[in-house]
Amino acid sequence: MNLSMPLEEAMRTQRAIRRLKPDPVDDDLVLHLVELALKAPTGSNAQSWEFIVIRDRAVKERLGTLNRRAWRLYGGLGTYLYRRDPQMLRIMKAVQWQVDHFAEVPVVIVACLRGFIPPLPRIAAASLYGSIFPSVQNLLLAARAAGLGAALITLPLWSTWLARRALGLPFNVTPCAVIPLGWPQGRYGPTTRRPVGDVVHVDRWGNQPFRGQHSA
């Protein structure tokens, strides 16, 4: 299976797609996406990834229940805070749709790290989690190239202990990210982002000689 979309096109049109059709996604395609995820680099070349591919509705419902619990707090607060921001309210509605239809998503992938992660200083925790997220981004870009919709979410993992129970994970496997995956109801398209010059500081904070400039 060859995903021939140019990398830059995949990057420029990638977005979080939350409204997904219930149509099935072929096993071979899912395995191909995970295989491409495994091409990402990891610290010390540990390759300590594990991917749980969930199709069973009962398992999705268990994870969806955790997602719904977290969303009740986060969604309620967000809807209030963004009540005068139409763009953010559209995003909140899309997330609400995902919460309501979580068990209907054809495939949910949970990216995990093999090895118990104890409480650590922030920089050490970031280093460990940094071994899984490059592979997750590979998976998301591959999904985009295949025409699939996907999004990285973490709300279902608000309790690592409960998430382990829902997925039957041993104590030494840590769930890090959840990727609902399926054929999108809508369309991909160019994304709107801040000009590159507005986020680039040269040598020190506040020195922005490229401010207002877009990339070529």
Protein backbone atom coordinates (compact mmCIF):
# COMPACT_ATOMS: atom_id res chain seq x y z
CA MET A 1 0.00 0.00 0.00
CA ASN A 2 1.57 3.27 -1.12
CA LEU A 3 0.48 6.62 0.34
CA SER A 4 1.67 8.96 -2.37
CA MET A 5 0.42 12.30 -1.05
CA PRO A 6 3.34 14.77 -0.82
CA LEU A 7 4.46 15.25 2.78
CA GLU A 8 4.02 19.03 2.65
CA GLU A 9 0.44 18.68 1.42
CA ALA A 10 -0.35 16.27 4.26
CA MET A 11 1.13 18.71 6.78
CA ARG A 12 -0.62 21.76 5.36
CA THR A 13 -4.05 20.12 5.28
CA GLN A 14 -3.88 18.02 8.43
CA ARG A 15 -6.42 18.95 11.07
CA ALA A 16 -8.26 17.28 13.94
CA ILE A 17 -11.21 15.44 12.36
CA ARG A 18 -13.73 14.45 15.03
CA ARG A 19 -16.91 13.71 13.07
CA LEU A 20 -16.35 10.27 11.56
CA LYS A 21 -18.52 7.86 9.61
CA PRO A 22 -19.20 4.43 11.13
CA ASP A 23 -17.96 2.79 7.90
CA PRO A 24 -15.31 0.09 8.54
CA VAL A 25 -11.60 0.69 8.07
CA ASP A 26 -9.68 -2.25 6.64
CA ASP A 27 -7.23 -4.07 8.93
CA ASP A 28 -4.45 -3.87 6.34
CA LEU A 29 -4.76 -0.09 6.23
CA VAL A 30 -4.70 0.23 10.02
CA LEU A 31 -1.63 -1.99 10.24
CA HIS A 32 0.06 0.07 7.54
CA LEU A 33 -0.56 3.26 9.52
CA VAL A 34 0.88 1.71 12.67
CA GLU A 35 3.86 0.41 10.71
CA LEU A 36 4.57 3.97 9.56
CA ALA A 37 4.17 5.16 13.15
CA LEU A 38 6.94 2.74 14.12
CA LYS A 39 9.35 4.51 11.77
CA ALA A 40 9.54 7.47 14.17
CA PRO A 41 12.66 7.95 16.30
CA THR A 42 12.65 7.17 20.01
CA GLY A 43 15.01 7.98 22.89
CA SER A 44 17.93 5.53 23.00
CA ASN A 45 16.18 3.71 20.14
CA ALA A 46 14.14 1.96 22.83
CA GLN A 47 11.18 1.37 20.50
CA SER A 48 8.99 0.88 23.56
CA TRP A 49 5.73 1.52 21.71
CA GLU A 50 2.59 -0.56 22.07
CA PHE A 51 -0.61 0.18 20.11
CA ILE A 52 -4.04 -1.06 21.20
CA VAL A 53 -6.38 -1.18 18.18
CA ILE A 54 -9.95 -1.16 19.47
CA ARG A 55 -12.85 -2.34 17.35
CA ASP A 56 -14.99 -4.04 20.02
CA ARG A 57 -17.89 -1.76 20.88
CA ALA A 58 -17.89 -2.80 24.54
CA VAL A 59 -14.27 -1.73 24.94
CA LYS A 60 -14.95 1.55 23.12
CA GLU A 61 -17.90 2.16 25.44
CA ARG A 62 -15.70 1.69 28.51
CA LEU A 63 -13.16 4.17 27.18
CA GLY A 64 -15.96 6.45 26.02
CA THR A 65 -17.38 6.53 29.54
CA LEU A 66 -14.06 7.85 30.84
CA ASN A 67 -14.02 10.39 28.02
CA ARG A 68 -17.54 11.54 28.91
CA ARG A 69 -16.68 11.96 32.58
CA ALA A 70 -13.77 14.25 31.80
CA TRP A 71 -15.76 16.16 29.17
CA ARG A 72 -18.55 16.99 31.61
CA LEU A 73 -16.11 19.18 33.53
CA TYR A 74 -13.90 20.41 30.70
CA GLY A 75 -16.72 20.90 28.20
CA GLY A 76 -18.95 22.75 30.61
CA LEU A 77 -16.14 25.08 31.62
CA GLY A 78 -15.02 25.60 28.02
CA THR A 79 -18.52 26.36 26.75
CA TYR A 80 -18.85 29.06 29.39
CA LEU A 81 -15.41 30.56 28.82
CA TYR A 82 -15.77 30.59 25.02
CA ARG A 83 -19.47 31.54 24.89
CA ARG A 84 -18.61 34.69 22.86
CA ASP A 85 -16.09 32.99 20.57
CA PRO A 86 -17.93 31.38 17.58
CA GLN A 87 -14.83 29.60 16.29
CA MET A 88 -14.09 27.94 19.63
CA LEU A 89 -17.76 27.06 20.09
CA ARG A 90 -17.66 25.21 16.74
CA ILE A 91 -14.70 23.22 18.03
CA MET A 92 -16.52 22.50 21.28
CA LYS A 93 -19.52 21.21 19.31
CA ALA A 94 -17.26 18.92 17.29
CA VAL A 95 -15.74 17.54 20.48
CA GLN A 96 -19.23 17.06 21.91
CA TRP A 97 -20.16 15.06 18.80
CA GLN A 98 -17.11 12.87 19.30
CA VAL A 99 -18.03 12.32 22.95
CA ASP A 100 -21.61 11.38 22.03
CA HIS A 101 -20.59 9.01 19.22
CA PHE A 102 -17.35 7.60 20.64
CA ALA A 103 -18.50 3.96 20.55
CA GLU A 104 -19.59 4.33 16.91
CA VAL A 105 -16.11 5.31 15.68
CA PRO A 106 -14.88 2.30 13.65
CA VAL A 107 -11.36 2.21 15.10
CA VAL A 108 -9.84 3.72 18.23
CA ILE A 109 -6.07 3.41 18.63
CA VAL A 110 -4.44 3.87 22.02
CA ALA A 111 -0.72 4.63 21.86
CA CYS A 112 1.13 3.28 24.90
CA LEU A 113 4.63 3.15 26.30
CA ARG A 114 5.97 -0.13 27.61
CA GLY A 115 7.42 0.42 31.07
CA PHE A 116 6.02 1.86 34.28
CA ILE A 117 6.23 5.66 34.44
CA PRO A 118 6.56 6.80 38.06
CA PRO A 119 5.98 10.38 39.24
CA LEU A 120 8.89 12.31 37.77
CA PRO A 121 10.13 15.89 37.45
CA ARG A 122 8.51 17.58 34.48
CA ILE A 123 11.57 17.47 32.24
CA ALA A 124 12.08 13.74 32.88
CA ALA A 125 8.40 12.99 32.17
CA ALA A 126 8.58 15.05 28.97
CA SER A 127 11.59 13.03 27.88
CA LEU A 128 9.76 9.74 28.38
CA TYR A 129 6.55 10.84 26.66
CA GLY A 130 8.69 12.28 23.87
CA SER A 131 9.31 8.69 22.82
CA ILE A 132 5.67 8.12 21.84
CA PHE A 133 4.43 11.38 20.34
CA PRO A 134 6.66 11.42 17.23
CA SER A 135 5.13 8.04 16.34
CA VAL A 136 1.64 9.41 16.99
CA GLN A 137 2.32 12.29 14.59
CA ASN A 138 3.55 9.80 11.99
CA LEU A 139 0.28 7.93 12.38
CA LEU A 140 -1.78 11.12 12.05
CA LEU A 141 0.05 12.22 8.91
CA ALA A 142 -0.30 8.74 7.40
CA ALA A 143 -4.01 8.80 8.18
CA ARG A 144 -4.30 12.16 6.43
CA ALA A 145 -2.47 10.80 3.37
CA ALA A 146 -4.89 7.86 3.30
CA GLY A 147 -7.91 10.19 3.43
CA LEU A 148 -8.86 9.07 6.94
CA GLY A 149 -9.99 11.40 9.69
CA ALA A 150 -8.19 11.32 13.02
CA ALA A 151 -7.48 13.37 16.12
CA LEU A 152 -5.17 13.06 19.10
CA ILE A 153 -7.11 13.18 22.37
CA THR A 154 -6.16 12.52 26.00
CA LEU A 155 -9.37 13.11 27.99
CA PRO A 156 -10.16 9.35 28.19
CA LEU A 157 -6.84 8.93 30.03
CA TRP A 158 -7.54 11.36 32.87
CA SER A 159 -7.19 8.36 35.20
CA THR A 160 -4.36 6.08 34.10
CA TRP A 161 -5.57 3.43 36.55
CA LEU A 162 -9.12 3.42 35.17
CA ALA A 163 -7.85 3.49 31.58
CA ARG A 164 -5.67 0.47 32.32
CA ARG A 165 -8.70 -1.34 33.71
CA ALA A 166 -10.82 -0.44 30.68
CA LEU A 167 -8.17 -1.74 28.29
CA GLY A 168 -6.84 -4.66 30.33
CA LEU A 169 -3.35 -3.16 30.41
CA PRO A 170 -0.69 -4.45 32.80
CA PHE A 171 0.80 -1.98 35.28
CA ASN A 172 3.97 -1.63 33.21
CA VAL A 173 2.17 -0.37 30.08
CA THR A 174 1.16 3.30 30.19
CA PRO A 175 -1.54 4.68 27.84
CA CYS A 176 -0.41 8.05 26.47
CA ALA A 177 -2.74 9.09 23.65
CA VAL A 178 -6.03 8.08 22.07
CA ILE A 179 -6.63 8.40 18.31
CA PRO A 180 -10.22 7.88 17.06
CA LEU A 181 -9.89 6.92 13.41
CA GLY A 182 -12.35 6.64 10.52
CA TRP A 183 -13.56 8.08 7.26
CA PRO A 184 -14.41 11.78 7.73
CA GLN A 185 -17.91 13.15 7.40
CA GLY A 186 -16.54 16.46 6.15
CA ARG A 187 -13.60 17.52 4.04
CA TYR A 188 -9.98 18.30 4.68
CA GLY A 189 -8.70 21.68 3.60
CA PRO A 190 -6.02 24.29 4.20
CA THR A 191 -5.64 25.26 7.84
CA THR A 192 -5.37 28.78 9.22
CA ARG A 193 -2.33 29.39 11.40
CA ARG A 194 -0.42 32.37 12.76
CA PRO A 195 2.31 33.76 10.48
CA VAL A 196 5.58 31.94 11.04
CA GLY A 197 7.34 35.23 11.76
CA ASP A 198 5.04 35.85 14.73
CA VAL A 199 6.23 32.77 16.58
CA VAL A 200 9.96 32.88 15.73
CA HIS A 201 12.33 34.63 18.15
CA VAL A 202 15.99 34.93 17.13
CA ASP A 203 18.68 34.46 19.78
CA ARG A 204 16.50 35.80 22.60
CA TRP A 205 12.85 36.30 23.52
CA GLY A 206 11.24 39.29 21.84
CA ASN A 207 13.69 39.67 18.97
CA GLN A 208 11.34 38.98 16.05
CA PRO A 209 12.85 40.33 12.83
CA PHE A 210 10.44 38.25 10.71
CA ARG A 211 7.26 39.37 12.47
CA GLY A 212 4.28 39.53 10.12
CA GLN A 213 5.98 37.40 7.49
CA HIS A 214 4.54 34.17 6.14
CA SER A 215 6.72 31.33 4.89
CA ALA A 216 7.25 31.00 1.16
